[in-house]
Amino acid sequence: MKQDQIEAEIIAARERLARNLSELEYALSSEGLKNRGKEIAKNFFTHPDGEYRIERIIGAAIGTLLSLKIIRKIF
């Protein structure tokens, strides 16, 4: 390998590392975590075609209400 090729590979590797670190920094930031949580919730409560999954919405609502009722009885 020629020195020019080695230097080009090192530069390319640094650029990939910088991109990966930037993506990781965003993924671990509060904004990144918030966006990921929103996406997970959206995927859980909707079908791929965008239609709502009523059974999951109702289940989550009932679960929340029951949890609140139990917590109120405990405290």
C-alpha atoms as a PDB file:
ATOM      1  CA  MET A   1       0.000   0.000   0.000  1.00  0.00           C
ATOM      2  CA  LYS A   2       1.176   3.444  -0.767  1.00  0.00           C
ATOM      3  CA  GLN A   3       1.408   6.107   1.874  1.00  0.00           C
ATOM      4  CA  ASP A   4      -1.288   8.176   0.122  1.00  0.00           C
ATOM      5  CA  GLN A   5      -3.705   5.259   0.315  1.00  0.00           C
ATOM      6  CA  ILE A   6      -2.969   4.693   3.983  1.00  0.00           C
ATOM      7  CA  GLU A   7      -3.487   8.379   4.763  1.00  0.00           C
ATOM      8  CA  ALA A   8      -6.763   8.387   2.813  1.00  0.00           C
ATOM      9  CA  GLU A   9      -7.988   5.349   4.782  1.00  0.00           C
ATOM     10  CA  ILE A  10      -7.040   7.002   8.073  1.00  0.00           C
ATOM     11  CA  ILE A  11      -8.929  10.164   7.105  1.00  0.00           C
ATOM     12  CA  ALA A  12     -11.970   8.116   6.067  1.00  0.00           C
ATOM     13  CA  ALA A  13     -11.837   6.156   9.335  1.00  0.00           C
ATOM     14  CA  ARG A  14     -11.684   9.408  11.352  1.00  0.00           C
ATOM     15  CA  GLU A  15     -14.702  10.777   9.482  1.00  0.00           C
ATOM     16  CA  ARG A  16     -16.686   7.569  10.134  1.00  0.00           C
ATOM     17  CA  LEU A  17     -15.719   7.674  13.801  1.00  0.00           C
ATOM     18  CA  ALA A  18     -16.765  11.333  14.070  1.00  0.00           C
ATOM     19  CA  ARG A  19     -20.141  10.548  12.447  1.00  0.00           C
ATOM     20  CA  ASN A  20     -20.690   7.556  14.731  1.00  0.00           C
ATOM     21  CA  LEU A  21     -19.848   9.593  17.821  1.00  0.00           C
ATOM     22  CA  SER A  22     -22.182  12.369  16.695  1.00  0.00           C
ATOM     23  CA  GLU A  23     -25.026   9.878  16.146  1.00  0.00           C
ATOM     24  CA  LEU A  24     -24.358   8.284  19.537  1.00  0.00           C
ATOM     25  CA  GLU A  25     -24.293  11.682  21.236  1.00  0.00           C
ATOM     26  CA  TYR A  26     -27.691  12.534  19.724  1.00  0.00           C
ATOM     27  CA  ALA A  27     -29.148   9.114  20.571  1.00  0.00           C
ATOM     28  CA  LEU A  28     -28.179   9.564  24.240  1.00  0.00           C
ATOM     29  CA  SER A  29     -29.271  13.194  24.482  1.00  0.00           C
ATOM     30  CA  SER A  30     -32.605  14.110  26.040  1.00  0.00           C
ATOM     31  CA  GLU A  31     -33.928  15.164  22.619  1.00  0.00           C
ATOM     32  CA  GLY A  32     -32.855  11.877  21.039  1.00  0.00           C
ATOM     33  CA  LEU A  33     -34.364   9.804  23.847  1.00  0.00           C
ATOM     34  CA  LYS A  34     -37.606  11.802  23.653  1.00  0.00           C
ATOM     35  CA  ASN A  35     -37.876  11.293  19.899  1.00  0.00           C
ATOM     36  CA  ARG A  36     -37.115   7.584  20.223  1.00  0.00           C
ATOM     37  CA  GLY A  37     -39.783   7.198  22.916  1.00  0.00           C
ATOM     38  CA  LYS A  38     -42.331   8.988  20.753  1.00  0.00           C
ATOM     39  CA  GLU A  39     -41.526   6.722  17.819  1.00  0.00           C
ATOM     40  CA  ILE A  40     -41.831   3.585  19.964  1.00  0.00           C
ATOM     41  CA  ALA A  41     -45.201   4.731  21.341  1.00  0.00           C
ATOM     42  CA  LYS A  42     -46.433   5.652  17.862  1.00  0.00           C
ATOM     43  CA  ASN A  43     -45.453   2.238  16.517  1.00  0.00           C
ATOM     44  CA  PHE A  44     -47.127   0.508  19.471  1.00  0.00           C
ATOM     45  CA  PHE A  45     -50.437   2.357  19.182  1.00  0.00           C
ATOM     46  CA  THR A  46     -50.774   2.436  15.366  1.00  0.00           C
ATOM     47  CA  HIS A  47     -50.737  -0.096  12.532  1.00  0.00           C
ATOM     48  CA  PRO A  48     -48.107   0.330   9.801  1.00  0.00           C
ATOM     49  CA  ASP A  49     -50.795   1.923   7.609  1.00  0.00           C
ATOM     50  CA  GLY A  50     -51.369   4.628  10.266  1.00  0.00           C
ATOM     51  CA  GLU A  51     -54.662   3.279  11.613  1.00  0.00           C
ATOM     52  CA  TYR A  52     -55.017   3.336  15.411  1.00  0.00           C
ATOM     53  CA  ARG A  53     -54.882   0.072  17.393  1.00  0.00           C
ATOM     54  CA  ILE A  54     -57.960   0.716  19.513  1.00  0.00           C
ATOM     55  CA  GLU A  55     -57.470  -2.408  21.633  1.00  0.00           C
ATOM     56  CA  ARG A  56     -54.019  -1.224  22.743  1.00  0.00           C
ATOM     57  CA  ILE A  57     -55.232   2.310  23.456  1.00  0.00           C
ATOM     58  CA  ILE A  58     -58.127   1.003  25.565  1.00  0.00           C
ATOM     59  CA  GLY A  59     -55.828  -1.472  27.323  1.00  0.00           C
ATOM     60  CA  ALA A  60     -53.335   1.255  28.192  1.00  0.00           C
ATOM     61  CA  ALA A  61     -56.105   3.538  29.472  1.00  0.00           C
ATOM     62  CA  ILE A  62     -57.605   0.799  31.657  1.00  0.00           C
ATOM     63  CA  GLY A  63     -54.173  -0.178  32.954  1.00  0.00           C
ATOM     64  CA  THR A  64     -53.395   3.429  33.834  1.00  0.00           C
ATOM     65  CA  LEU A  65     -56.706   3.918  35.636  1.00  0.00           C
ATOM     66  CA  LEU A  66     -56.317   0.694  37.612  1.00  0.00           C
ATOM     67  CA  SER A  67     -52.745   1.605  38.550  1.00  0.00           C
ATOM     68  CA  LEU A  68     -53.850   5.031  39.779  1.00  0.00           C
ATOM     69  CA  LYS A  69     -56.674   3.476  41.798  1.00  0.00           C
ATOM     70  CA  ILE A  70     -54.282   1.002  43.441  1.00  0.00           C
ATOM     71  CA  ILE A  71     -51.759   3.750  44.214  1.00  0.00           C
ATOM     72  CA  ARG A  72     -54.495   5.891  45.796  1.00  0.00           C
ATOM     73  CA  LYS A  73     -55.536   2.994  48.043  1.00  0.00           C
ATOM     74  CA  ILE A  74     -51.945   2.366  49.123  1.00  0.00           C
ATOM     75  CA  PHE A  75     -51.217   6.000  49.940  1.00  0.00           C
END
